[in-house]
Each structure stands twice: as C-alpha cells, then as structure tokens.
Amino acid sequence: MNQIKIDKGVPVPTSRWGKRKYPFPDMEIGDSFFTDDKQETVGSSVATYARFNNKKFTTRSENGGTRVWRIA
C-alpha cells in the first residue's frame, strides 16, 4: 500500500470563477459583443449566466463567430 504524503502550506489556486471569458456582468440592455467562438459554445455560457442572474440575452452567428446582445 502506498503512503500518501500530506503537504502543508500549499495555497489554494485562484478560482476560475473569478475570471470570466465573456463580459456578461458589465453589459447593459442594448449592449453587444462579438466573439470568434461558435454559437453553441457561447449559447451555453449565456444560458447559464442568464438563468442565475435574471437577465436575458440573444445570440446570432455572424462573420464566422457569434454576436451576443443583452436584451433585458
């Protein structure tokens, strides 16, 4: 049986939740942004953010990427 070594004083890495890929929290109604990401990828992030923050967005494919608008 292998012994597992206990390390002390190792700091916890910064949460990835602290960094956002998309600027949803900074958007006001009528604002939009463009990303090179596929609509399916962005749409999943939009849906999750909107559900937990009571906001509404819409997305459209545009020029090989996706545009996201905050609509409410």
N, C-alpha and C. Protein backbone atom coordinates (compact mmCIF):
# COMPACT_ATOMS: atom_id res chain seq x y z
N MET A 1 0.85 -1.19 0.00
CA MET A 1 0.00 0.00 0.00
C MET A 1 0.89 1.24 0.00
N ASN A 2 0.60 2.19 -0.89
CA ASN A 2 1.38 3.42 -0.99
C ASN A 2 0.96 4.39 0.10
N GLN A 3 1.92 5.06 0.63
CA GLN A 3 1.65 6.11 1.61
C GLN A 3 1.42 7.41 0.86
N ILE A 4 0.40 8.13 1.22
CA ILE A 4 0.13 9.44 0.61
C ILE A 4 0.74 10.50 1.51
N LYS A 5 1.57 11.33 0.92
CA LYS A 5 2.27 12.38 1.65
C LYS A 5 1.33 13.58 1.84
N ILE A 6 1.29 14.10 3.02
CA ILE A 6 0.49 15.30 3.32
C ILE A 6 1.39 16.52 3.19
N ASP A 7 0.96 17.48 2.37
CA ASP A 7 1.71 18.73 2.19
C ASP A 7 1.06 19.81 3.03
N LYS A 8 1.85 20.64 3.63
CA LYS A 8 1.34 21.75 4.44
C LYS A 8 1.78 23.07 3.81
N GLY A 9 0.93 24.08 3.93
CA GLY A 9 1.27 25.42 3.47
C GLY A 9 1.14 25.64 1.97
N VAL A 10 0.47 24.75 1.26
CA VAL A 10 0.28 24.92 -0.18
C VAL A 10 -0.98 25.76 -0.39
N PRO A 11 -0.87 26.96 -0.99
CA PRO A 11 -2.05 27.81 -1.15
C PRO A 11 -3.04 27.24 -2.18
N VAL A 12 -4.30 27.52 -1.95
CA VAL A 12 -5.35 27.10 -2.88
C VAL A 12 -5.26 27.97 -4.12
N PRO A 13 -5.30 27.39 -5.33
CA PRO A 13 -5.24 28.21 -6.54
C PRO A 13 -6.44 29.13 -6.65
N THR A 14 -6.26 30.21 -7.37
CA THR A 14 -7.35 31.15 -7.60
C THR A 14 -8.46 30.44 -8.35
N SER A 15 -9.69 30.68 -7.93
CA SER A 15 -10.84 30.07 -8.56
C SER A 15 -10.98 30.53 -9.99
N ARG A 16 -11.36 29.62 -10.88
CA ARG A 16 -11.59 30.01 -12.26
C ARG A 16 -12.87 30.80 -12.38
N TRP A 17 -13.72 30.76 -11.36
CA TRP A 17 -14.96 31.52 -11.38
C TRP A 17 -14.68 33.00 -11.25
N GLY A 18 -13.51 33.36 -10.76
CA GLY A 18 -13.15 34.76 -10.64
C GLY A 18 -12.85 35.40 -11.99
N LYS A 19 -12.47 34.58 -12.96
CA LYS A 19 -12.15 35.08 -14.30
C LYS A 19 -13.29 34.70 -15.22
N ARG A 20 -13.77 35.65 -15.97
CA ARG A 20 -14.85 35.38 -16.91
C ARG A 20 -14.34 35.56 -18.33
N LYS A 21 -14.74 34.64 -19.19
CA LYS A 21 -14.34 34.74 -20.58
C LYS A 21 -15.16 35.80 -21.31
N TYR A 22 -16.43 35.91 -20.93
CA TYR A 22 -17.35 36.84 -21.59
C TYR A 22 -17.75 37.94 -20.61
N PRO A 23 -18.04 39.16 -21.11
CA PRO A 23 -18.29 40.31 -20.22
C PRO A 23 -19.75 40.47 -19.79
N PHE A 24 -20.46 39.37 -19.51
CA PHE A 24 -21.88 39.47 -19.17
C PHE A 24 -22.18 40.45 -18.03
N PRO A 25 -21.42 40.43 -16.93
CA PRO A 25 -21.76 41.31 -15.81
C PRO A 25 -21.64 42.81 -16.15
N ASP A 26 -20.83 43.14 -17.14
CA ASP A 26 -20.60 44.54 -17.49
C ASP A 26 -21.60 45.07 -18.51
N MET A 27 -22.46 44.20 -19.03
CA MET A 27 -23.34 44.60 -20.12
C MET A 27 -24.63 45.24 -19.61
N GLU A 28 -25.05 46.28 -20.32
CA GLU A 28 -26.34 46.91 -20.07
C GLU A 28 -27.27 46.54 -21.22
N ILE A 29 -28.55 46.73 -21.03
CA ILE A 29 -29.52 46.42 -22.07
C ILE A 29 -29.16 47.18 -23.34
N GLY A 30 -29.11 46.46 -24.47
CA GLY A 30 -28.75 47.05 -25.76
C GLY A 30 -27.29 46.87 -26.12
N ASP A 31 -26.43 46.51 -25.15
CA ASP A 31 -25.01 46.27 -25.43
C ASP A 31 -24.85 44.93 -26.14
N SER A 32 -23.77 44.80 -26.92
CA SER A 32 -23.44 43.54 -27.57
C SER A 32 -21.94 43.36 -27.62
N PHE A 33 -21.52 42.13 -27.88
CA PHE A 33 -20.10 41.85 -28.12
C PHE A 33 -20.00 40.74 -29.15
N PHE A 34 -18.85 40.70 -29.83
CA PHE A 34 -18.58 39.67 -30.83
C PHE A 34 -17.45 38.78 -30.31
N THR A 35 -17.57 37.48 -30.57
CA THR A 35 -16.52 36.53 -30.24
C THR A 35 -16.35 35.55 -31.40
N ASP A 36 -15.15 35.03 -31.55
CA ASP A 36 -14.88 34.04 -32.59
C ASP A 36 -15.44 32.66 -32.23
N ASP A 37 -15.93 32.49 -31.00
CA ASP A 37 -16.45 31.20 -30.55
C ASP A 37 -17.73 30.84 -31.29
N LYS A 38 -18.00 29.54 -31.39
CA LYS A 38 -19.21 29.06 -32.05
C LYS A 38 -20.44 29.42 -31.21
N GLN A 39 -21.57 29.55 -31.87
CA GLN A 39 -22.80 29.93 -31.19
C GLN A 39 -23.19 28.91 -30.11
N GLU A 40 -22.93 27.63 -30.36
CA GLU A 40 -23.26 26.60 -29.36
C GLU A 40 -22.45 26.79 -28.08
N THR A 41 -21.19 27.14 -28.23
CA THR A 41 -20.32 27.34 -27.07
C THR A 41 -20.76 28.56 -26.28
N VAL A 42 -20.98 29.66 -26.95
CA VAL A 42 -21.39 30.89 -26.28
C VAL A 42 -22.79 30.74 -25.70
N GLY A 43 -23.67 30.10 -26.45
CA GLY A 43 -25.05 29.94 -26.01
C GLY A 43 -25.17 29.24 -24.68
N SER A 44 -24.35 28.25 -24.44
CA SER A 44 -24.35 27.54 -23.16
C SER A 44 -23.96 28.47 -22.02
N SER A 45 -22.93 29.27 -22.23
CA SER A 45 -22.49 30.23 -21.21
C SER A 45 -23.56 31.30 -20.97
N VAL A 46 -24.16 31.78 -22.07
CA VAL A 46 -25.22 32.80 -21.97
C VAL A 46 -26.38 32.26 -21.14
N ALA A 47 -26.82 31.04 -21.46
CA ALA A 47 -27.97 30.46 -20.76
C ALA A 47 -27.71 30.31 -19.27
N THR A 48 -26.53 29.84 -18.93
CA THR A 48 -26.19 29.66 -17.52
C THR A 48 -26.15 30.99 -16.79
N TYR A 49 -25.45 31.97 -17.37
CA TYR A 49 -25.36 33.28 -16.73
C TYR A 49 -26.74 33.92 -16.58
N ALA A 50 -27.53 33.87 -17.65
CA ALA A 50 -28.86 34.50 -17.64
C ALA A 50 -29.75 33.87 -16.58
N ARG A 51 -29.73 32.55 -16.47
CA ARG A 51 -30.59 31.86 -15.51
C ARG A 51 -30.27 32.25 -14.07
N PHE A 52 -28.99 32.32 -13.73
CA PHE A 52 -28.60 32.60 -12.35
C PHE A 52 -28.60 34.09 -12.02
N ASN A 53 -28.73 34.95 -13.02
CA ASN A 53 -28.67 36.40 -12.78
C ASN A 53 -29.90 37.15 -13.25
N ASN A 54 -30.95 36.42 -13.64
CA ASN A 54 -32.22 37.01 -14.04
C ASN A 54 -32.05 38.07 -15.13
N LYS A 55 -31.28 37.73 -16.16
CA LYS A 55 -31.04 38.62 -17.30
C LYS A 55 -31.45 37.89 -18.57
N LYS A 56 -31.62 38.62 -19.67
CA LYS A 56 -31.96 37.99 -20.95
C LYS A 56 -30.98 38.43 -22.03
N PHE A 57 -30.59 37.45 -22.84
CA PHE A 57 -29.64 37.67 -23.93
C PHE A 57 -30.16 36.97 -25.18
N THR A 58 -29.63 37.37 -26.32
CA THR A 58 -29.87 36.64 -27.56
C THR A 58 -28.54 36.57 -28.31
N THR A 59 -28.39 35.53 -29.12
CA THR A 59 -27.15 35.34 -29.88
C THR A 59 -27.48 35.10 -31.35
N ARG A 60 -26.55 35.48 -32.21
CA ARG A 60 -26.67 35.24 -33.64
C ARG A 60 -25.28 34.92 -34.20
N SER A 61 -25.23 33.98 -35.13
CA SER A 61 -23.98 33.71 -35.85
C SER A 61 -23.68 34.91 -36.74
N GLU A 62 -22.41 35.29 -36.78
CA GLU A 62 -22.02 36.47 -37.55
C GLU A 62 -20.55 36.37 -37.94
N ASN A 63 -20.25 36.47 -39.23
CA ASN A 63 -18.87 36.53 -39.73
C ASN A 63 -17.96 35.45 -39.14
N GLY A 64 -18.43 34.22 -39.09
CA GLY A 64 -17.61 33.13 -38.59
C GLY A 64 -17.51 33.05 -37.09
N GLY A 65 -18.28 33.83 -36.38
CA GLY A 65 -18.29 33.83 -34.92
C GLY A 65 -19.70 34.03 -34.40
N THR A 66 -19.82 34.67 -33.26
CA THR A 66 -21.11 34.87 -32.62
C THR A 66 -21.19 36.27 -32.02
N ARG A 67 -22.34 36.92 -32.20
CA ARG A 67 -22.62 38.19 -31.53
C ARG A 67 -23.66 37.93 -30.46
N VAL A 68 -23.44 38.52 -29.27
CA VAL A 68 -24.34 38.37 -28.13
C VAL A 68 -24.87 39.75 -27.74
N TRP A 69 -26.19 39.85 -27.59
CA TRP A 69 -26.82 41.09 -27.14
C TRP A 69 -27.51 40.84 -25.80
N ARG A 70 -27.44 41.84 -24.92
CA ARG A 70 -28.26 41.79 -23.71
C ARG A 70 -29.56 42.49 -24.07
N ILE A 71 -30.69 41.80 -23.87
CA ILE A 71 -31.99 42.36 -24.28
C ILE A 71 -32.89 42.67 -23.10
N ALA A 72 -32.58 42.25 -21.90
CA ALA A 72 -33.38 42.60 -20.71
C ALA A 72 -32.58 42.30 -19.46
